[in-house]
């Protein structure tokens, strides 16, 4: 169970906003999405940090893995663990640890190395 999916953590926060309409300005309260940095970690290697609402992170991680081509199917993910940190000291954040089949992990590492080789300055 996600400790943030409670009535007091709805995924948004109320903020004062200034609205400009037809030449007039007014102050109002509005709901703004509450996004956290979420690290996606595959087989112990941090792969990406995305900003998203801290809800349904298991589904988010599976969808990311499929659409980015890290895994071909959901069954290639053996385990998912989600860790939340909102202690008031550091910026609230989460980590999603995924254990994927070795073949998918090796392909992800090869792709990362290929991308790293193409992002050089061109002088080196």
PDB file of N, CA and C in Angstrom:
ATOM      1  N   UNK A   1       0.852  -1.194   0.000  1.00  0.00           N
ATOM      2  CA  UNK A   1       0.000   0.000   0.000  1.00  0.00           C
ATOM      3  C   UNK A   1       0.886   1.242   0.000  1.00  0.00           C
ATOM      4  N   UNK A   2       0.588   2.131  -0.874  1.00  0.00           N
ATOM      5  CA  UNK A   2       1.310   3.401  -0.969  1.00  0.00           C
ATOM      6  C   UNK A   2       0.890   4.282   0.202  1.00  0.00           C
ATOM      7  N   UNK A   3       1.826   4.697   1.052  1.00  0.00           N
ATOM      8  CA  UNK A   3       1.458   5.532   2.200  1.00  0.00           C
ATOM      9  C   UNK A   3       0.956   6.913   1.801  1.00  0.00           C
ATOM     10  N   UNK A   4       1.132   7.296   0.535  1.00  0.00           N
ATOM     11  CA  UNK A   4       0.681   8.615   0.092  1.00  0.00           C
ATOM     12  C   UNK A   4      -0.742   8.607  -0.431  1.00  0.00           C
ATOM     13  N   UNK A   5      -1.307   7.447  -0.650  1.00  0.00           N
ATOM     14  CA  UNK A   5      -2.661   7.373  -1.180  1.00  0.00           C
ATOM     15  C   UNK A   5      -3.668   7.389  -0.035  1.00  0.00           C
ATOM     16  N   UNK A   6      -3.729   8.519   0.621  1.00  0.00           N
ATOM     17  CA  UNK A   6      -4.663   8.729   1.706  1.00  0.00           C
ATOM     18  C   UNK A   6      -5.421  10.015   1.424  1.00  0.00           C
ATOM     19  N   UNK A   7      -6.420  10.278   2.205  1.00  0.00           N
ATOM     20  CA  UNK A   7      -7.214  11.484   2.000  1.00  0.00           C
ATOM     21  C   UNK A   7      -6.398  12.753   2.147  1.00  0.00           C
ATOM     22  N   UNK A   8      -5.336  12.711   2.986  1.00  0.00           N
ATOM     23  CA  UNK A   8      -4.554  13.925   3.178  1.00  0.00           C
ATOM     24  C   UNK A   8      -3.411  14.048   2.161  1.00  0.00           C
ATOM     25  N   UNK A   9      -3.276  13.113   1.229  1.00  0.00           N
ATOM     26  CA  UNK A   9      -2.279  13.169   0.161  1.00  0.00           C
ATOM     27  C   UNK A   9      -2.977  12.875  -1.178  1.00  0.00           C
ATOM     28  N   UNK A  10      -3.788  13.786  -1.668  1.00  0.00           N
ATOM     29  CA  UNK A  10      -4.580  13.496  -2.866  1.00  0.00           C
ATOM     30  C   UNK A  10      -3.822  13.608  -4.185  1.00  0.00           C
ATOM     31  N   UNK A  11      -2.541  13.974  -4.173  1.00  0.00           N
ATOM     32  CA  UNK A  11      -1.807  14.125  -5.428  1.00  0.00           C
ATOM     33  C   UNK A  11      -1.777  15.549  -5.938  1.00  0.00           C
ATOM     34  N   UNK A  12      -2.361  16.456  -5.191  1.00  0.00           N
ATOM     35  CA  UNK A  12      -2.328  17.865  -5.560  1.00  0.00           C
ATOM     36  C   UNK A  12      -2.291  18.703  -4.291  1.00  0.00           C
ATOM     37  N   UNK A  13      -1.880  19.947  -4.458  1.00  0.00           N
ATOM     38  CA  UNK A  13      -1.856  20.882  -3.331  1.00  0.00           C
ATOM     39  C   UNK A  13      -2.608  22.142  -3.729  1.00  0.00           C
ATOM     40  N   UNK A  14      -3.230  22.759  -2.761  1.00  0.00           N
ATOM     41  CA  UNK A  14      -3.939  24.016  -3.014  1.00  0.00           C
ATOM     42  C   UNK A  14      -2.942  25.162  -2.944  1.00  0.00           C
ATOM     43  N   UNK A  15      -2.972  26.038  -3.924  1.00  0.00           N
ATOM     44  CA  UNK A  15      -2.076  27.195  -3.972  1.00  0.00           C
ATOM     45  C   UNK A  15      -2.866  28.436  -4.371  1.00  0.00           C
ATOM     46  N   UNK A  16      -2.395  29.572  -3.869  1.00  0.00           N
ATOM     47  CA  UNK A  16      -2.976  30.843  -4.282  1.00  0.00           C
ATOM     48  C   UNK A  16      -2.437  31.188  -5.673  1.00  0.00           C
ATOM     49  N   UNK A  17      -3.313  31.579  -6.562  1.00  0.00           N
ATOM     50  CA  UNK A  17      -2.916  31.940  -7.924  1.00  0.00           C
ATOM     51  C   UNK A  17      -3.499  33.302  -8.261  1.00  0.00           C
ATOM     52  N   UNK A  18      -2.869  33.946  -9.202  1.00  0.00           N
ATOM     53  CA  UNK A  18      -3.355  35.227  -9.695  1.00  0.00           C
ATOM     54  C   UNK A  18      -3.885  34.996 -11.101  1.00  0.00           C
ATOM     55  N   UNK A  19      -5.169  35.282 -11.318  1.00  0.00           N
ATOM     56  CA  UNK A  19      -5.789  35.070 -12.622  1.00  0.00           C
ATOM     57  C   UNK A  19      -5.980  36.408 -13.322  1.00  0.00           C
ATOM     58  N   UNK A  20      -5.657  36.403 -14.603  1.00  0.00           N
ATOM     59  CA  UNK A  20      -5.827  37.592 -15.439  1.00  0.00           C
ATOM     60  C   UNK A  20      -6.846  37.258 -16.518  1.00  0.00           C
ATOM     61  N   UNK A  21      -8.012  37.927 -16.453  1.00  0.00           N
ATOM     62  CA  UNK A  21      -9.062  37.680 -17.428  1.00  0.00           C
ATOM     63  C   UNK A  21      -9.707  38.997 -17.819  1.00  0.00           C
ATOM     64  N   UNK A  22      -9.749  39.230 -19.112  1.00  0.00           N
ATOM     65  CA  UNK A  22     -10.422  40.428 -19.654  1.00  0.00           C
ATOM     66  C   UNK A  22      -9.937  41.702 -18.987  1.00  0.00           C
ATOM     67  N   UNK A  23      -8.620  41.779 -18.788  1.00  0.00           N
ATOM     68  CA  UNK A  23      -8.035  42.985 -18.221  1.00  0.00           C
ATOM     69  C   UNK A  23      -8.173  43.111 -16.718  1.00  0.00           C
ATOM     70  N   UNK A  24      -8.759  42.133 -16.066  1.00  0.00           N
ATOM     71  CA  UNK A  24      -8.916  42.183 -14.616  1.00  0.00           C
ATOM     72  C   UNK A  24      -8.086  41.083 -13.971  1.00  0.00           C
ATOM     73  N   UNK A  25      -7.590  41.401 -12.778  1.00  0.00           N
ATOM     74  CA  UNK A  25      -6.783  40.452 -12.021  1.00  0.00           C
ATOM     75  C   UNK A  25      -7.523  40.065 -10.757  1.00  0.00           C
ATOM     76  N   UNK A  26      -7.511  38.767 -10.454  1.00  0.00           N
ATOM     77  CA  UNK A  26      -8.129  38.300  -9.214  1.00  0.00           C
ATOM     78  C   UNK A  26      -7.234  37.248  -8.576  1.00  0.00           C
ATOM     79  N   UNK A  27      -7.375  37.130  -7.267  1.00  0.00           N
ATOM     80  CA  UNK A  27      -6.639  36.121  -6.509  1.00  0.00           C
ATOM     81  C   UNK A  27      -7.623  34.998  -6.203  1.00  0.00           C
ATOM     82  N   UNK A  28      -7.173  33.761  -6.436  1.00  0.00           N
ATOM     83  CA  UNK A  28      -8.042  32.610  -6.194  1.00  0.00           C
ATOM     84  C   UNK A  28      -7.197  31.442  -5.707  1.00  0.00           C
ATOM     85  N   UNK A  29      -7.852  30.428  -5.214  1.00  0.00           N
ATOM     86  CA  UNK A  29      -7.187  29.194  -4.828  1.00  0.00           C
ATOM     87  C   UNK A  29      -7.367  28.196  -5.970  1.00  0.00           C
ATOM     88  N   UNK A  30      -6.318  27.440  -6.274  1.00  0.00           N
ATOM     89  CA  UNK A  30      -6.388  26.456  -7.346  1.00  0.00           C
ATOM     90  C   UNK A  30      -5.609  25.219  -6.922  1.00  0.00           C
ATOM     91  N   UNK A  31      -5.949  24.098  -7.495  1.00  0.00           N
ATOM     92  CA  UNK A  31      -5.250  22.849  -7.209  1.00  0.00           C
ATOM     93  C   UNK A  31      -4.145  22.651  -8.236  1.00  0.00           C
ATOM     94  N   UNK A  32      -2.948  22.358  -7.746  1.00  0.00           N
ATOM     95  CA  UNK A  32      -1.767  22.176  -8.590  1.00  0.00           C
ATOM     96  C   UNK A  32      -1.231  20.770  -8.346  1.00  0.00           C
ATOM     97  N   UNK A  33      -0.922  20.055  -9.434  1.00  0.00           N
ATOM     98  CA  UNK A  33      -0.399  18.705  -9.309  1.00  0.00           C
ATOM     99  C   UNK A  33       0.863  18.668  -8.468  1.00  0.00           C
ATOM    100  N   UNK A  34       0.972  17.648  -7.632  1.00  0.00           N
ATOM    101  CA  UNK A  34       2.112  17.500  -6.730  1.00  0.00           C
ATOM    102  C   UNK A  34       3.050  16.451  -7.333  1.00  0.00           C
ATOM    103  N   UNK A  35       4.125  16.906  -7.959  1.00  0.00           N
ATOM    104  CA  UNK A  35       5.053  15.991  -8.600  1.00  0.00           C
ATOM    105  C   UNK A  35       6.315  15.811  -7.769  1.00  0.00           C
ATOM    106  N   UNK A  36       6.837  14.609  -7.814  1.00  0.00           N
ATOM    107  CA  UNK A  36       8.071  14.259  -7.124  1.00  0.00           C
ATOM    108  C   UNK A  36       9.076  13.746  -8.143  1.00  0.00           C
ATOM    109  N   UNK A  37      10.368  13.862  -7.858  1.00  0.00           N
ATOM    110  CA  UNK A  37      11.341  13.126  -8.664  1.00  0.00           C
ATOM    111  C   UNK A  37      11.245  11.642  -8.295  1.00  0.00           C
ATOM    112  N   UNK A  38      11.170  10.811  -9.322  1.00  0.00           N
ATOM    113  CA  UNK A  38      11.069   9.366  -9.123  1.00  0.00           C
ATOM    114  C   UNK A  38      12.196   8.709  -9.909  1.00  0.00           C
ATOM    115  N   UNK A  39      13.092   8.038  -9.205  1.00  0.00           N
ATOM    116  CA  UNK A  39      14.214   7.341  -9.842  1.00  0.00           C
ATOM    117  C   UNK A  39      13.774   5.936 -10.216  1.00  0.00           C
ATOM    118  N   UNK A  40      14.076   5.549 -11.459  1.00  0.00           N
ATOM    119  CA  UNK A  40      13.805   4.192 -11.923  1.00  0.00           C
ATOM    120  C   UNK A  40      15.131   3.442 -11.954  1.00  0.00           C
ATOM    121  N   UNK A  41      15.208   2.380 -11.172  1.00  0.00           N
ATOM    122  CA  UNK A  41      16.444   1.625 -10.979  1.00  0.00           C
ATOM    123  C   UNK A  41      16.217   0.205 -11.496  1.00  0.00           C
ATOM    124  N   UNK A  42      17.028  -0.196 -12.482  1.00  0.00           N
ATOM    125  CA  UNK A  42      16.893  -1.523 -13.072  1.00  0.00           C
ATOM    126  C   UNK A  42      18.071  -2.389 -12.635  1.00  0.00           C
ATOM    127  N   UNK A  43      17.778  -3.488 -11.982  1.00  0.00           N
ATOM    128  CA  UNK A  43      18.796  -4.434 -11.509  1.00  0.00           C
ATOM    129  C   UNK A  43      19.938  -3.713 -10.785  1.00  0.00           C
ATOM    130  N   UNK A  44      19.586  -2.719  -9.991  1.00  0.00           N
ATOM    131  CA  UNK A  44      20.564  -2.002  -9.182  1.00  0.00           C
ATOM    132  C   UNK A  44      21.229  -0.821  -9.865  1.00  0.00           C
ATOM    133  N   UNK A  45      20.934  -0.575 -11.149  1.00  0.00           N
ATOM    134  CA  UNK A  45      21.535   0.535 -11.893  1.00  0.00           C
ATOM    135  C   UNK A  45      20.475   1.620 -12.113  1.00  0.00           C
ATOM    136  N   UNK A  46      20.750   2.830 -11.638  1.00  0.00           N
ATOM    137  CA  UNK A  46      19.828   3.945 -11.850  1.00  0.00           C
ATOM    138  C   UNK A  46      19.805   4.293 -13.328  1.00  0.00           C
ATOM    139  N   UNK A  47      18.603   4.327 -13.898  1.00  0.00           N
ATOM    140  CA  UNK A  47      18.475   4.536 -15.341  1.00  0.00           C
ATOM    141  C   UNK A  47      17.902   5.912 -15.683  1.00  0.00           C
ATOM    142  N   UNK A  48      16.906   6.359 -14.939  1.00  0.00           N
ATOM    143  CA  UNK A  48      16.249   7.625 -15.266  1.00  0.00           C
ATOM    144  C   UNK A  48      15.587   8.191 -14.024  1.00  0.00           C
ATOM    145  N   UNK A  49      15.437   9.505 -14.024  1.00  0.00           N
ATOM    146  CA  UNK A  49      14.654  10.180 -12.998  1.00  0.00           C
ATOM    147  C   UNK A  49      13.577  10.968 -13.721  1.00  0.00           C
ATOM    148  N   UNK A  50      12.352  10.707 -13.362  1.00  0.00           N
ATOM    149  CA  UNK A  50      11.205  11.348 -14.000  1.00  0.00           C
ATOM    150  C   UNK A  50      10.425  12.124 -12.932  1.00  0.00           C
ATOM    151  N   UNK A  51       9.781  13.187 -13.353  1.00  0.00           N
ATOM    152  CA  UNK A  51       8.884  13.909 -12.450  1.00  0.00           C
ATOM    153  C   UNK A  51       7.481  13.374 -12.669  1.00  0.00           C
ATOM    154  N   UNK A  52       6.835  12.955 -11.587  1.00  0.00           N
ATOM    155  CA  UNK A  52       5.460  12.471 -11.707  1.00  0.00           C
ATOM    156  C   UNK A  52       4.788  12.500 -10.340  1.00  0.00           C
ATOM    157  N   UNK A  53       3.488  12.303 -10.368  1.00  0.00           N
ATOM    158  CA  UNK A  53       2.753  12.228  -9.110  1.00  0.00           C
ATOM    159  C   UNK A  53       3.139  10.929  -8.418  1.00  0.00           C
ATOM    160  N   UNK A  54       3.280  10.944  -7.111  1.00  0.00           N
ATOM    161  CA  UNK A  54       3.751   9.749  -6.402  1.00  0.00           C
ATOM    162  C   UNK A  54       2.638   8.725  -6.143  1.00  0.00           C
ATOM    163  N   UNK A  55       1.838   8.462  -7.148  1.00  0.00           N
ATOM    164  CA  UNK A  55       0.757   7.485  -7.056  1.00  0.00           C
ATOM    165  C   UNK A  55       0.926   6.443  -8.154  1.00  0.00           C
ATOM    166  N   UNK A  56       0.571   5.222  -7.880  1.00  0.00           N
ATOM    167  CA  UNK A  56       0.615   4.138  -8.860  1.00  0.00           C
ATOM    168  C   UNK A  56       1.980   4.024  -9.525  1.00  0.00           C
ATOM    169  N   UNK A  57       3.028   4.105  -8.744  1.00  0.00           N
ATOM    170  CA  UNK A  57       4.372   4.086  -9.313  1.00  0.00           C
ATOM    171  C   UNK A  57       4.742   2.732  -9.902  1.00  0.00           C
ATOM    172  N   UNK A  58       4.144   1.662  -9.406  1.00  0.00           N
ATOM    173  CA  UNK A  58       4.393   0.357 -10.012  1.00  0.00           C
ATOM    174  C   UNK A  58       3.915   0.352 -11.458  1.00  0.00           C
ATOM    175  N   UNK A  59       2.697   0.831 -11.680  1.00  0.00           N
ATOM    176  CA  UNK A  59       2.146   0.889 -13.043  1.00  0.00           C
ATOM    177  C   UNK A  59       2.955   1.847 -13.913  1.00  0.00           C
ATOM    178  N   UNK A  60       3.368   2.972 -13.353  1.00  0.00           N
ATOM    179  CA  UNK A  60       4.194   3.925 -14.090  1.00  0.00           C
ATOM    180  C   UNK A  60       5.491   3.266 -14.543  1.00  0.00           C
ATOM    181  N   UNK A  61       6.151   2.529 -13.642  1.00  0.00           N
ATOM    182  CA  UNK A  61       7.435   1.896 -13.955  1.00  0.00           C
ATOM    183  C   UNK A  61       7.277   0.822 -15.030  1.00  0.00           C
ATOM    184  N   UNK A  62       6.209   0.050 -14.967  1.00  0.00           N
ATOM    185  CA  UNK A  62       5.971  -0.972 -15.989  1.00  0.00           C
ATOM    186  C   UNK A  62       5.719  -0.305 -17.340  1.00  0.00           C
ATOM    187  N   UNK A  63       4.884   0.729 -17.363  1.00  0.00           N
ATOM    188  CA  UNK A  63       4.611   1.444 -18.612  1.00  0.00           C
ATOM    189  C   UNK A  63       5.866   2.070 -19.195  1.00  0.00           C
ATOM    190  N   UNK A  64       6.686   2.681 -18.362  1.00  0.00           N
ATOM    191  CA  UNK A  64       7.946   3.266 -18.822  1.00  0.00           C
ATOM    192  C   UNK A  64       8.837   2.181 -19.419  1.00  0.00           C
ATOM    193  N   UNK A  65       8.954   1.059 -18.728  1.00  0.00           N
ATOM    194  CA  UNK A  65       9.812  -0.032 -19.186  1.00  0.00           C
ATOM    195  C   UNK A  65       9.376  -0.563 -20.549  1.00  0.00           C
ATOM    196  N   UNK A  66       8.084  -0.670 -20.748  1.00  0.00           N
ATOM    197  CA  UNK A  66       7.562  -1.164 -22.026  1.00  0.00           C
ATOM    198  C   UNK A  66       7.721  -0.139 -23.142  1.00  0.00           C
ATOM    199  N   UNK A  67       7.342   1.111 -22.895  1.00  0.00           N
ATOM    200  CA  UNK A  67       7.388   2.110 -23.963  1.00  0.00           C
ATOM    201  C   UNK A  67       8.804   2.493 -24.339  1.00  0.00           C
ATOM    202  N   UNK A  68       9.753   2.401 -23.400  1.00  0.00           N
ATOM    203  CA  UNK A  68      11.151   2.691 -23.711  1.00  0.00           C
ATOM    204  C   UNK A  68      11.871   1.491 -24.305  1.00  0.00           C
ATOM    205  N   UNK A  69      11.178   0.364 -24.410  1.00  0.00           N
ATOM    206  CA  UNK A  69      11.774  -0.823 -24.995  1.00  0.00           C
ATOM    207  C   UNK A  69      12.773  -1.526 -24.097  1.00  0.00           C
ATOM    208  N   UNK A  70      12.747  -1.246 -22.812  1.00  0.00           N
ATOM    209  CA  UNK A  70      13.661  -1.912 -21.881  1.00  0.00           C
ATOM    210  C   UNK A  70      13.258  -3.379 -21.733  1.00  0.00           C
ATOM    211  N   UNK A  71      11.960  -3.635 -21.672  1.00  0.00           N
ATOM    212  CA  UNK A  71      11.440  -5.002 -21.676  1.00  0.00           C
ATOM    213  C   UNK A  71      10.440  -5.126 -22.816  1.00  0.00           C
ATOM    214  N   UNK A  72      10.285  -6.346 -23.315  1.00  0.00           N
ATOM    215  CA  UNK A  72       9.343  -6.587 -24.404  1.00  0.00           C
ATOM    216  C   UNK A  72       7.940  -6.861 -23.897  1.00  0.00           C
ATOM    217  N   UNK A  73       7.849  -7.365 -22.677  1.00  0.00           N
ATOM    218  CA  UNK A  73       6.537  -7.682 -22.088  1.00  0.00           C
ATOM    219  C   UNK A  73       6.645  -7.566 -20.575  1.00  0.00           C
ATOM    220  N   UNK A  74       5.500  -7.384 -19.944  1.00  0.00           N
ATOM    221  CA  UNK A  74       5.486  -7.224 -18.494  1.00  0.00           C
ATOM    222  C   UNK A  74       6.065  -8.401 -17.743  1.00  0.00           C
ATOM    223  N   UNK A  75       5.968  -9.600 -18.325  1.00  0.00           N
ATOM    224  CA  UNK A  75       6.499 -10.788 -17.647  1.00  0.00           C
ATOM    225  C   UNK A  75       8.021 -10.785 -17.574  1.00  0.00           C
ATOM    226  N   UNK A  76       8.689  -9.870 -18.286  1.00  0.00           N
ATOM    227  CA  UNK A  76      10.148  -9.739 -18.192  1.00  0.00           C
ATOM    228  C   UNK A  76      10.569  -8.983 -16.936  1.00  0.00           C
ATOM    229  N   UNK A  77       9.599  -8.483 -16.196  1.00  0.00           N
ATOM    230  CA  UNK A  77       9.866  -7.814 -14.915  1.00  0.00           C
ATOM    231  C   UNK A  77       9.535  -8.807 -13.810  1.00  0.00           C
ATOM    232  N   UNK A  78      10.542  -9.181 -13.032  1.00  0.00           N
ATOM    233  CA  UNK A  78      10.348 -10.194 -11.991  1.00  0.00           C
ATOM    234  C   UNK A  78       9.886  -9.607 -10.668  1.00  0.00           C
ATOM    235  N   UNK A  79      10.307  -8.384 -10.374  1.00  0.00           N
ATOM    236  CA  UNK A  79       9.985  -7.820  -9.070  1.00  0.00           C
ATOM    237  C   UNK A  79      10.016  -6.305  -9.160  1.00  0.00           C
ATOM    238  N   UNK A  80       9.143  -5.656  -8.394  1.00  0.00           N
ATOM    239  CA  UNK A  80       9.122  -4.194  -8.303  1.00  0.00           C
ATOM    240  C   UNK A  80       8.986  -3.826  -6.833  1.00  0.00           C
ATOM    241  N   UNK A  81       9.860  -2.956  -6.372  1.00  0.00           N
ATOM    242  CA  UNK A  81       9.763  -2.424  -5.012  1.00  0.00           C
ATOM    243  C   UNK A  81       9.810  -0.907  -5.093  1.00  0.00           C
ATOM    244  N   UNK A  82       8.922  -0.253  -4.363  1.00  0.00           N
ATOM    245  CA  UNK A  82       8.837   1.198  -4.359  1.00  0.00           C
ATOM    246  C   UNK A  82       9.205   1.705  -2.978  1.00  0.00           C
ATOM    247  N   UNK A  83      10.083   2.704  -2.947  1.00  0.00           N
ATOM    248  CA  UNK A  83      10.520   3.321  -1.705  1.00  0.00           C
ATOM    249  C   UNK A  83      10.169   4.806  -1.754  1.00  0.00           C
ATOM    250  N   UNK A  84       9.465   5.275  -0.730  1.00  0.00           N
ATOM    251  CA  UNK A  84       9.060   6.680  -0.638  1.00  0.00           C
ATOM    252  C   UNK A  84       9.868   7.365   0.452  1.00  0.00           C
ATOM    253  N   UNK A  85      10.194   8.627   0.211  1.00  0.00           N
ATOM    254  CA  UNK A  85      10.866   9.401   1.267  1.00  0.00           C
ATOM    255  C   UNK A  85      10.253  10.797   1.299  1.00  0.00           C
ATOM    256  N   UNK A  86       9.580  11.063   2.385  1.00  0.00           N
ATOM    257  CA  UNK A  86       8.994  12.380   2.616  1.00  0.00           C
ATOM    258  C   UNK A  86       9.086  12.651   4.111  1.00  0.00           C
ATOM    259  N   UNK A  87      10.310  12.947   4.554  1.00  0.00           N
ATOM    260  CA  UNK A  87      10.549  13.125   5.979  1.00  0.00           C
ATOM    261  C   UNK A  87      10.608  14.586   6.402  1.00  0.00           C
ATOM    262  N   UNK A  88      10.382  15.495   5.451  1.00  0.00           N
ATOM    263  CA  UNK A  88      10.435  16.905   5.772  1.00  0.00           C
ATOM    264  C   UNK A  88      11.836  17.485   5.789  1.00  0.00           C
ATOM    265  N   UNK A  89      12.856  16.632   5.698  1.00  0.00           N
ATOM    266  CA  UNK A  89      14.243  17.101   5.701  1.00  0.00           C
ATOM    267  C   UNK A  89      14.723  17.309   4.266  1.00  0.00           C
ATOM    268  N   UNK A  90      14.619  16.271   3.468  1.00  0.00           N
ATOM    269  CA  UNK A  90      15.035  16.341   2.061  1.00  0.00           C
ATOM    270  C   UNK A  90      13.803  16.543   1.182  1.00  0.00           C
ATOM    271  N   UNK A  91      14.032  16.883  -0.066  1.00  0.00           N
ATOM    272  CA  UNK A  91      12.952  16.982  -1.035  1.00  0.00           C
ATOM    273  C   UNK A  91      12.248  15.634  -1.123  1.00  0.00           C
ATOM    274  N   UNK A  92      10.917  15.608  -1.060  1.00  0.00           N
ATOM    275  CA  UNK A  92      10.222  14.318  -1.188  1.00  0.00           C
ATOM    276  C   UNK A  92      10.598  13.660  -2.513  1.00  0.00           C
ATOM    277  N   UNK A  93      10.849  12.362  -2.478  1.00  0.00           N
ATOM    278  CA  UNK A  93      11.203  11.634  -3.690  1.00  0.00           C
ATOM    279  C   UNK A  93      10.872  10.158  -3.507  1.00  0.00           C
ATOM    280  N   UNK A  94      10.969   9.426  -4.602  1.00  0.00           N
ATOM    281  CA  UNK A  94      10.716   7.996  -4.561  1.00  0.00           C
ATOM    282  C   UNK A  94      11.713   7.290  -5.463  1.00  0.00           C
ATOM    283  N   UNK A  95      11.921   6.019  -5.180  1.00  0.00           N
ATOM    284  CA  UNK A  95      12.741   5.151  -6.025  1.00  0.00           C
ATOM    285  C   UNK A  95      11.924   3.915  -6.327  1.00  0.00           C
ATOM    286  N   UNK A  96      11.968   3.502  -7.581  1.00  0.00           N
ATOM    287  CA  UNK A  96      11.314   2.266  -7.984  1.00  0.00           C
ATOM    288  C   UNK A  96      12.405   1.321  -8.457  1.00  0.00           C
ATOM    289  N   UNK A  97      12.570   0.225  -7.738  1.00  0.00           N
ATOM    290  CA  UNK A  97      13.562  -0.784  -8.092  1.00  0.00           C
ATOM    291  C   UNK A  97      12.859  -1.904  -8.853  1.00  0.00           C
ATOM    292  N   UNK A  98      13.345  -2.170 -10.064  1.00  0.00           N
ATOM    293  CA  UNK A  98      12.793  -3.236 -10.881  1.00  0.00           C
ATOM    294  C   UNK A  98      13.862  -4.295 -11.118  1.00  0.00           C
ATOM    295  N   UNK A  99      13.482  -5.538 -11.006  1.00  0.00           N
ATOM    296  CA  UNK A  99      14.355  -6.646 -11.382  1.00  0.00           C
ATOM    297  C   UNK A  99      13.832  -7.165 -12.717  1.00  0.00           C
ATOM    298  N   UNK A 100      14.644  -7.037 -13.758  1.00  0.00           N
ATOM    299  CA  UNK A 100      14.240  -7.479 -15.090  1.00  0.00           C
ATOM    300  C   UNK A 100      15.097  -8.667 -15.500  1.00  0.00           C
ATOM    301  N   UNK A 101      14.621  -9.413 -16.499  1.00  0.00           N
ATOM    302  CA  UNK A 101      15.377 -10.571 -16.982  1.00  0.00           C
ATOM    303  C   UNK A 101      16.739 -10.102 -17.470  1.00  0.00           C
ATOM    304  N   UNK A 102      17.713 -10.983 -17.362  1.00  0.00           N
ATOM    305  CA  UNK A 102      19.096 -10.628 -17.682  1.00  0.00           C
ATOM    306  C   UNK A 102      19.247 -10.138 -19.121  1.00  0.00           C
ATOM    307  N   UNK A 103      18.556 -10.753 -20.068  1.00  0.00           N
ATOM    308  CA  UNK A 103      18.657 -10.354 -21.476  1.00  0.00           C
ATOM    309  C   UNK A 103      18.230  -8.898 -21.660  1.00  0.00           C
ATOM    310  N   UNK A 104      17.138  -8.494 -21.028  1.00  0.00           N
ATOM    311  CA  UNK A 104      16.661  -7.111 -21.131  1.00  0.00           C
ATOM    312  C   UNK A 104      17.643  -6.156 -20.466  1.00  0.00           C
ATOM    313  N   UNK A 105      18.203  -6.560 -19.339  1.00  0.00           N
ATOM    314  CA  UNK A 105      19.157  -5.714 -18.630  1.00  0.00           C
ATOM    315  C   UNK A 105      20.417  -5.500 -19.461  1.00  0.00           C
ATOM    316  N   UNK A 106      20.932  -6.556 -20.068  1.00  0.00           N
ATOM    317  CA  UNK A 106      22.135  -6.430 -20.895  1.00  0.00           C
ATOM    318  C   UNK A 106      21.863  -5.542 -22.114  1.00  0.00           C
ATOM    319  N   UNK A 107      20.688  -5.668 -22.729  1.00  0.00           N
ATOM    320  CA  UNK A 107      20.337  -4.820 -23.872  1.00  0.00           C
ATOM    321  C   UNK A 107      20.245  -3.361 -23.445  1.00  0.00           C
ATOM    322  N   UNK A 108      19.699  -3.103 -22.249  1.00  0.00           N
ATOM    323  CA  UNK A 108      19.607  -1.731 -21.740  1.00  0.00           C
ATOM    324  C   UNK A 108      21.005  -1.152 -21.522  1.00  0.00           C
ATOM    325  N   UNK A 109      21.904  -1.939 -20.950  1.00  0.00           N
ATOM    326  CA  UNK A 109      23.271  -1.468 -20.728  1.00  0.00           C
ATOM    327  C   UNK A 109      23.977  -1.176 -22.049  1.00  0.00           C
ATOM    328  N   UNK A 110      23.801  -2.042 -23.042  1.00  0.00           N
ATOM    329  CA  UNK A 110      24.413  -1.814 -24.354  1.00  0.00           C
ATOM    330  C   UNK A 110      23.884  -0.533 -24.986  1.00  0.00           C
ATOM    331  N   UNK A 111      22.596  -0.304 -24.865  1.00  0.00           N
ATOM    332  CA  UNK A 111      21.988   0.908 -25.422  1.00  0.00           C
ATOM    333  C   UNK A 111      22.542   2.147 -24.721  1.00  0.00           C
ATOM    334  N   UNK A 112      22.710   2.082 -23.401  1.00  0.00           N
ATOM    335  CA  UNK A 112      23.266   3.217 -22.649  1.00  0.00           C
ATOM    336  C   UNK A 112      24.689   3.524 -23.098  1.00  0.00           C
ATOM    337  N   UNK A 113      25.488   2.478 -23.310  1.00  0.00           N
ATOM    338  CA  UNK A 113      26.863   2.690 -23.762  1.00  0.00           C
ATOM    339  C   UNK A 113      26.900   3.294 -25.153  1.00  0.00           C
ATOM    340  N   UNK A 114      26.020   2.847 -26.029  1.00  0.00           N
ATOM    341  CA  UNK A 114      25.972   3.397 -27.385  1.00  0.00           C
ATOM    342  C   UNK A 114      25.575   4.869 -27.352  1.00  0.00           C
ATOM    343  N   UNK A 115      24.603   5.219 -26.516  1.00  0.00           N
ATOM    344  CA  UNK A 115      24.175   6.609 -26.402  1.00  0.00           C
ATOM    345  C   UNK A 115      25.281   7.475 -25.818  1.00  0.00           C
ATOM    346  N   UNK A 116      26.002   6.960 -24.842  1.00  0.00           N
ATOM    347  CA  UNK A 116      27.089   7.728 -24.230  1.00  0.00           C
ATOM    348  C   UNK A 116      28.182   8.026 -25.251  1.00  0.00           C
ATOM    349  N   UNK A 117      28.418   7.108 -26.168  1.00  0.00           N
ATOM    350  CA  UNK A 117      29.431   7.328 -27.195  1.00  0.00           C
ATOM    351  C   UNK A 117      29.033   8.369 -28.204  1.00  0.00           C
ATOM    352  N   UNK A 118      27.719   8.580 -28.391  1.00  0.00           N
ATOM    353  CA  UNK A 118      27.243   9.553 -29.385  1.00  0.00           C
ATOM    354  C   UNK A 118      27.050  10.943 -28.818  1.00  0.00           C
ATOM    355  N   UNK A 119      27.137  11.104 -27.511  1.00  0.00           N
ATOM    356  CA  UNK A 119      26.854  12.410 -26.917  1.00  0.00           C
ATOM    357  C   UNK A 119      28.119  13.205 -26.652  1.00  0.00           C
ATOM    358  N   UNK A 120      29.242  12.735 -27.137  1.00  0.00           N
ATOM    359  CA  UNK A 120      30.504  13.442 -26.921  1.00  0.00           C
ATOM    360  C   UNK A 120      30.530  14.772 -27.667  1.00  0.00           C
ATOM    361  N   UNK A 121      31.557  15.549 -27.404  1.00  0.00           N
ATOM    362  CA  UNK A 121      31.651  16.886 -27.984  1.00  0.00           C
ATOM    363  C   UNK A 121      32.113  16.864 -29.434  1.00  0.00           C
ATOM    364  N   UNK A 122      32.595  15.700 -29.903  1.00  0.00           N
ATOM    365  CA  UNK A 122      33.058  15.616 -31.278  1.00  0.00           C
ATOM    366  C   UNK A 122      34.536  15.926 -31.433  1.00  0.00           C
ATOM    367  N   UNK A 123      35.151  16.466 -30.380  1.00  0.00           N
ATOM    368  CA  UNK A 123      36.576  16.787 -30.424  1.00  0.00           C
ATOM    369  C   UNK A 123      37.393  15.633 -29.858  1.00  0.00           C
ATOM    370  N   UNK A 124      36.823  14.973 -28.849  1.00  0.00           N
ATOM    371  CA  UNK A 124      37.542  13.887 -28.162  1.00  0.00           C
ATOM    372  C   UNK A 124      37.572  12.625 -28.993  1.00  0.00           C
TER     373      UNK A 124
END
